[in-house]
Amino acid sequence: MVYEFLDHKSDVYVRVASPSLSRAFEDAAAAAFEVMLEQGSVRCKKTIDLRVDATDLEQLLYMWVDRLLYHFDAEGFALARAEVRSLRRARSGGFSLSARLHGEDYDPEVHGQKVGVKAMTYSLMRISRGASGRAELRFVLDI
């Protein structure tokens, strides 16, 4: 399993372990949507192109998940999968991520309805990379 849910008193604590940082961000998106709906029931019927810029990796992760939640809450977009096209250090010293989101309009009868996620947080956030290049992300979703 590339992500797991860790013990937390009141929110959802997520741990993602992936072969690369780009893949870890894709897996973080999958984990966030699995909290809210039956992600396996979502089909790839439409796409959204997304770009996120940030001053550091922690802010990039925060803004990435926050934008995904926005598309779900404001536009009713259910994510089937996220495809990170590039994740790189910007000339300014910050980071830039561009991605394509695949999914469809959310329908609770088709996609189920689990727990509502209110927001992404910086609580317990950690981003690390092992010597082999594997990336690990930890973050908390406010429910």
C-alpha atoms as a PDB file:
ATOM      1  CA  MET A   1       0.000   0.000   0.000  1.00  0.00           C
ATOM      2  CA  VAL A   2       1.376   3.420  -0.923  1.00  0.00           C
ATOM      3  CA  TYR A   3      -0.658   5.247   1.710  1.00  0.00           C
ATOM      4  CA  GLU A   4      -2.058   4.439   5.104  1.00  0.00           C
ATOM      5  CA  PHE A   5      -4.096   6.186   7.735  1.00  0.00           C
ATOM      6  CA  LEU A   6      -2.338   6.595  11.086  1.00  0.00           C
ATOM      7  CA  ASP A   7      -3.891   7.057  14.521  1.00  0.00           C
ATOM      8  CA  HIS A   8      -5.075  10.555  15.361  1.00  0.00           C
ATOM      9  CA  LYS A   9      -7.484  11.699  18.071  1.00  0.00           C
ATOM     10  CA  SER A  10      -9.825  13.793  15.939  1.00  0.00           C
ATOM     11  CA  ASP A  11      -8.638  14.115  12.332  1.00  0.00           C
ATOM     12  CA  VAL A  12      -7.204  11.946   9.554  1.00  0.00           C
ATOM     13  CA  TYR A  13      -3.429  11.447   9.690  1.00  0.00           C
ATOM     14  CA  VAL A  14      -2.028  10.231   6.357  1.00  0.00           C
ATOM     15  CA  ARG A  15       1.308   8.611   5.585  1.00  0.00           C
ATOM     16  CA  VAL A  16       2.343   8.213   1.947  1.00  0.00           C
ATOM     17  CA  ALA A  17       5.444   6.267   0.880  1.00  0.00           C
ATOM     18  CA  SER A  18       6.219   6.309  -2.843  1.00  0.00           C
ATOM     19  CA  PRO A  19       9.149   5.706  -5.198  1.00  0.00           C
ATOM     20  CA  SER A  20       9.431   9.426  -6.113  1.00  0.00           C
ATOM     21  CA  LEU A  21       8.268  12.813  -4.884  1.00  0.00           C
ATOM     22  CA  SER A  22       5.974  13.271  -7.896  1.00  0.00           C
ATOM     23  CA  ARG A  23       4.363   9.914  -7.248  1.00  0.00           C
ATOM     24  CA  ALA A  24       4.008  10.760  -3.546  1.00  0.00           C
ATOM     25  CA  PHE A  25       1.987  13.855  -4.458  1.00  0.00           C
ATOM     26  CA  GLU A  26      -0.229  11.717  -6.725  1.00  0.00           C
ATOM     27  CA  ASP A  27      -0.709   9.215  -3.915  1.00  0.00           C
ATOM     28  CA  ALA A  28      -1.491  12.007  -1.430  1.00  0.00           C
ATOM     29  CA  ALA A  29      -4.328  13.077  -3.746  1.00  0.00           C
ATOM     30  CA  ALA A  30      -5.646   9.510  -3.855  1.00  0.00           C
ATOM     31  CA  ALA A  31      -5.505   9.220  -0.063  1.00  0.00           C
ATOM     32  CA  ALA A  32      -7.372  12.512   0.444  1.00  0.00           C
ATOM     33  CA  PHE A  33     -10.181  11.441  -1.879  1.00  0.00           C
ATOM     34  CA  GLU A  34     -10.377   7.944  -0.378  1.00  0.00           C
ATOM     35  CA  VAL A  35     -11.258   9.630   2.923  1.00  0.00           C
ATOM     36  CA  MET A  36     -14.249  11.331   1.273  1.00  0.00           C
ATOM     37  CA  LEU A  37     -15.602   8.777  -1.227  1.00  0.00           C
ATOM     38  CA  GLU A  38     -15.164   5.366  -2.830  1.00  0.00           C
ATOM     39  CA  GLN A  39     -12.407   6.461  -5.161  1.00  0.00           C
ATOM     40  CA  GLY A  40     -12.443   3.171  -7.080  1.00  0.00           C
ATOM     41  CA  SER A  41     -15.936   4.012  -8.347  1.00  0.00           C
ATOM     42  CA  VAL A  42     -14.842   7.263 -10.019  1.00  0.00           C
ATOM     43  CA  ARG A  43     -14.340   7.125 -13.776  1.00  0.00           C
ATOM     44  CA  CYS A  44     -12.078   9.309 -15.914  1.00  0.00           C
ATOM     45  CA  LYS A  45     -14.673  11.313 -17.835  1.00  0.00           C
ATOM     46  CA  LYS A  46     -13.153  14.791 -17.607  1.00  0.00           C
ATOM     47  CA  THR A  47      -9.830  16.415 -16.856  1.00  0.00           C
ATOM     48  CA  ILE A  48      -8.633  19.541 -15.100  1.00  0.00           C
ATOM     49  CA  ASP A  49      -5.161  21.004 -15.585  1.00  0.00           C
ATOM     50  CA  LEU A  50      -3.708  22.428 -12.399  1.00  0.00           C
ATOM     51  CA  ARG A  51      -0.587  24.381 -11.467  1.00  0.00           C
ATOM     52  CA  VAL A  52       0.577  25.134  -7.938  1.00  0.00           C
ATOM     53  CA  ASP A  53       3.521  27.338  -6.955  1.00  0.00           C
ATOM     54  CA  ALA A  54       4.960  27.541  -3.444  1.00  0.00           C
ATOM     55  CA  THR A  55       7.953  28.775  -1.495  1.00  0.00           C
ATOM     56  CA  ASP A  56       8.864  25.308  -0.122  1.00  0.00           C
ATOM     57  CA  LEU A  57       7.800  21.664  -0.345  1.00  0.00           C
ATOM     58  CA  GLU A  58       5.566  21.824   2.733  1.00  0.00           C
ATOM     59  CA  GLN A  59       3.629  24.762   1.305  1.00  0.00           C
ATOM     60  CA  LEU A  60       3.450  22.948  -2.040  1.00  0.00           C
ATOM     61  CA  LEU A  61       1.903  19.882  -0.398  1.00  0.00           C
ATOM     62  CA  TYR A  62      -0.515  22.071   1.562  1.00  0.00           C
ATOM     63  CA  MET A  63      -1.591  24.041  -1.522  1.00  0.00           C
ATOM     64  CA  TRP A  64      -1.824  20.880  -3.656  1.00  0.00           C
ATOM     65  CA  VAL A  65      -4.273  19.127  -1.344  1.00  0.00           C
ATOM     66  CA  ASP A  66      -6.103  22.395  -0.660  1.00  0.00           C
ATOM     67  CA  ARG A  67      -6.688  22.930  -4.407  1.00  0.00           C
ATOM     68  CA  LEU A  68      -7.933  19.354  -4.780  1.00  0.00           C
ATOM     69  CA  LEU A  69     -10.410  19.936  -1.946  1.00  0.00           C
ATOM     70  CA  TYR A  70     -11.511  23.172  -3.621  1.00  0.00           C
ATOM     71  CA  HIS A  71     -12.302  21.351  -6.874  1.00  0.00           C
ATOM     72  CA  PHE A  72     -14.343  18.809  -4.922  1.00  0.00           C
ATOM     73  CA  ASP A  73     -16.208  21.300  -2.721  1.00  0.00           C
ATOM     74  CA  ALA A  74     -16.766  24.156  -5.170  1.00  0.00           C
ATOM     75  CA  GLU A  75     -17.042  22.301  -8.471  1.00  0.00           C
ATOM     76  CA  GLY A  76     -18.214  18.840  -7.437  1.00  0.00           C
ATOM     77  CA  PHE A  77     -15.203  17.185  -9.076  1.00  0.00           C
ATOM     78  CA  ALA A  78     -14.539  13.625  -7.898  1.00  0.00           C
ATOM     79  CA  LEU A  79     -10.946  12.579  -8.486  1.00  0.00           C
ATOM     80  CA  ALA A  80     -10.171   9.211 -10.067  1.00  0.00           C
ATOM     81  CA  ARG A  81      -6.444   9.875 -10.287  1.00  0.00           C
ATOM     82  CA  ALA A  82      -3.938  12.696 -10.371  1.00  0.00           C
ATOM     83  CA  GLU A  83      -1.100  12.779 -12.875  1.00  0.00           C
ATOM     84  CA  VAL A  84       1.796  15.008 -11.799  1.00  0.00           C
ATOM     85  CA  ARG A  85       3.416  16.177 -15.003  1.00  0.00           C
ATOM     86  CA  SER A  86       6.236  18.113 -13.387  1.00  0.00           C
ATOM     87  CA  LEU A  87       7.411  18.921  -9.902  1.00  0.00           C
ATOM     88  CA  ARG A  88      10.489  21.075  -9.911  1.00  0.00           C
ATOM     89  CA  ARG A  89      12.411  23.735  -8.100  1.00  0.00           C
ATOM     90  CA  ALA A  90      11.599  27.136  -9.574  1.00  0.00           C
ATOM     91  CA  ARG A  91      14.210  29.751 -10.426  1.00  0.00           C
ATOM     92  CA  SER A  92      12.957  31.776  -7.473  1.00  0.00           C
ATOM     93  CA  GLY A  93      14.028  28.950  -5.154  1.00  0.00           C
ATOM     94  CA  GLY A  94      10.472  27.791  -4.528  1.00  0.00           C
ATOM     95  CA  PHE A  95       8.705  24.856  -6.123  1.00  0.00           C
ATOM     96  CA  SER A  96       6.251  24.414  -8.959  1.00  0.00           C
ATOM     97  CA  LEU A  97       3.897  21.522  -9.636  1.00  0.00           C
ATOM     98  CA  SER A  98       1.783  21.002 -12.733  1.00  0.00           C
ATOM     99  CA  ALA A  99      -0.713  18.181 -12.949  1.00  0.00           C
ATOM    100  CA  ARG A 100      -3.700  16.820 -14.777  1.00  0.00           C
ATOM    101  CA  LEU A 101      -6.626  15.636 -12.685  1.00  0.00           C
ATOM    102  CA  HIS A 102      -8.817  12.845 -14.066  1.00  0.00           C
ATOM    103  CA  GLY A 103     -12.318  12.254 -12.743  1.00  0.00           C
ATOM    104  CA  GLU A 104     -15.972  13.085 -13.106  1.00  0.00           C
ATOM    105  CA  ASP A 105     -18.822  14.993 -11.509  1.00  0.00           C
ATOM    106  CA  TYR A 106     -19.435  13.787  -7.968  1.00  0.00           C
ATOM    107  CA  ASP A 107     -22.588  11.714  -7.401  1.00  0.00           C
ATOM    108  CA  PRO A 108     -23.027  10.418  -3.821  1.00  0.00           C
ATOM    109  CA  GLU A 109     -25.194   7.540  -5.055  1.00  0.00           C
ATOM    110  CA  VAL A 110     -22.405   6.333  -7.337  1.00  0.00           C
ATOM    111  CA  HIS A 111     -19.284   7.379  -5.440  1.00  0.00           C
ATOM    112  CA  GLY A 112     -20.498   6.950  -1.879  1.00  0.00           C
ATOM    113  CA  GLN A 113     -20.174   9.453   0.894  1.00  0.00           C
ATOM    114  CA  LYS A 114     -17.657   8.856   3.646  1.00  0.00           C
ATOM    115  CA  VAL A 115     -16.158  11.596   5.818  1.00  0.00           C
ATOM    116  CA  GLY A 116     -16.217  15.274   4.884  1.00  0.00           C
ATOM    117  CA  VAL A 117     -12.775  16.869   4.806  1.00  0.00           C
ATOM    118  CA  LYS A 118     -12.887  20.513   5.884  1.00  0.00           C
ATOM    119  CA  ALA A 119      -9.299  21.458   5.170  1.00  0.00           C
ATOM    120  CA  MET A 120      -5.677  20.519   4.698  1.00  0.00           C
ATOM    121  CA  THR A 121      -3.431  21.416   7.647  1.00  0.00           C
ATOM    122  CA  TYR A 122       0.254  21.877   8.433  1.00  0.00           C
ATOM    123  CA  SER A 123      -0.215  19.792  11.580  1.00  0.00           C
ATOM    124  CA  LEU A 124       2.331  16.950  11.864  1.00  0.00           C
ATOM    125  CA  MET A 125       3.391  17.588   8.246  1.00  0.00           C
ATOM    126  CA  ARG A 126       6.646  15.955   7.263  1.00  0.00           C
ATOM    127  CA  ILE A 127       8.306  15.434   3.893  1.00  0.00           C
ATOM    128  CA  SER A 128      11.384  13.247   3.682  1.00  0.00           C
ATOM    129  CA  ARG A 129      13.368  11.369   1.081  1.00  0.00           C
ATOM    130  CA  GLY A 130      15.433   8.287   1.687  1.00  0.00           C
ATOM    131  CA  ALA A 131      18.828   7.524   0.184  1.00  0.00           C
ATOM    132  CA  SER A 132      17.123   5.405  -2.482  1.00  0.00           C
ATOM    133  CA  GLY A 133      15.033   8.383  -3.593  1.00  0.00           C
ATOM    134  CA  ARG A 134      11.814   7.102  -1.988  1.00  0.00           C
ATOM    135  CA  ALA A 135       9.619   9.907  -0.734  1.00  0.00           C
ATOM    136  CA  GLU A 136       7.509   9.902   2.414  1.00  0.00           C
ATOM    137  CA  LEU A 137       4.794  12.443   3.137  1.00  0.00           C
ATOM    138  CA  ARG A 138       2.847  12.804   6.373  1.00  0.00           C
ATOM    139  CA  PHE A 139      -0.022  15.243   6.788  1.00  0.00           C
ATOM    140  CA  VAL A 140      -3.297  15.760   8.618  1.00  0.00           C
ATOM    141  CA  LEU A 141      -6.717  16.386   7.073  1.00  0.00           C
ATOM    142  CA  ASP A 142      -9.166  18.333   9.235  1.00  0.00           C
ATOM    143  CA  ILE A 143     -12.511  16.527   9.284  1.00  0.00           C
END
